[in-house]
Amino acid sequence: MAAKKITGKFDSIETVLRDIACGKMVVVVDDADRENEGDLIMAA
C-alpha cells in the first residue's frame, strides 16, 4: 500500500508547546517516508 501524502496546515512548535501547557492534547506525526503514524501527546 502506498503512503498517502499529507496536505494541510501544521502548527508551529511554539503553538504546540503553548497548547500542551494549556492542557490540550496534540497529535505529532512523523514523516510519510518513515512509519507514517501519529502520537497523541499531552502533559502529565
Protein backbone atom coordinates (compact mmCIF):
# COMPACT_ATOMS: atom_id res chain seq x y z
CA MET A 1 0.00 0.00 0.00
CA ALA A 2 1.42 3.37 -1.00
CA ALA A 3 1.75 6.07 1.66
CA LYS A 4 -0.61 8.99 1.33
CA LYS A 5 0.87 12.46 1.20
CA ILE A 6 -0.49 14.63 3.98
CA THR A 7 -1.59 18.02 2.78
CA GLY A 8 -2.81 20.61 5.17
CA LYS A 9 -1.77 23.04 7.82
CA PHE A 10 0.67 22.19 10.57
CA ASP A 11 1.10 24.35 13.66
CA SER A 12 4.45 25.76 14.72
CA ILE A 13 6.38 24.17 17.57
CA GLU A 14 5.72 27.27 19.67
CA THR A 15 1.96 26.90 19.17
CA VAL A 16 2.04 23.21 20.03
CA LEU A 17 4.06 23.82 23.20
CA ARG A 18 1.61 26.54 24.24
CA ASP A 19 -1.33 24.18 23.64
CA ILE A 20 0.29 21.44 25.73
CA ALA A 21 0.96 23.97 28.52
CA CYS A 22 -2.75 24.90 28.41
CA GLY A 23 -3.72 21.25 28.92
CA LYS A 24 -4.65 20.45 25.33
CA MET A 25 -3.79 17.17 23.63
CA VAL A 26 -1.86 17.36 20.36
CA VAL A 27 -1.10 14.87 17.60
CA VAL A 28 2.50 14.65 16.43
CA VAL A 29 3.03 12.85 13.13
CA ASP A 30 6.24 11.58 11.65
CA ASP A 31 7.29 11.65 8.03
CA ALA A 32 5.35 9.65 5.46
CA ASP A 33 8.65 8.04 4.41
CA ARG A 34 9.12 6.66 7.93
CA GLU A 35 6.41 4.94 9.96
CA ASN A 36 3.76 7.45 8.84
CA GLU A 37 1.96 7.40 12.18
CA GLY A 38 0.82 9.88 14.78
CA ASP A 39 1.25 10.04 18.54
CA LEU A 40 -1.17 11.66 20.99
CA ILE A 41 0.77 13.88 23.39
CA MET A 42 -0.39 15.73 26.48
CA ALA A 43 1.10 16.98 29.73
CA ALA A 44 1.08 14.55 32.65
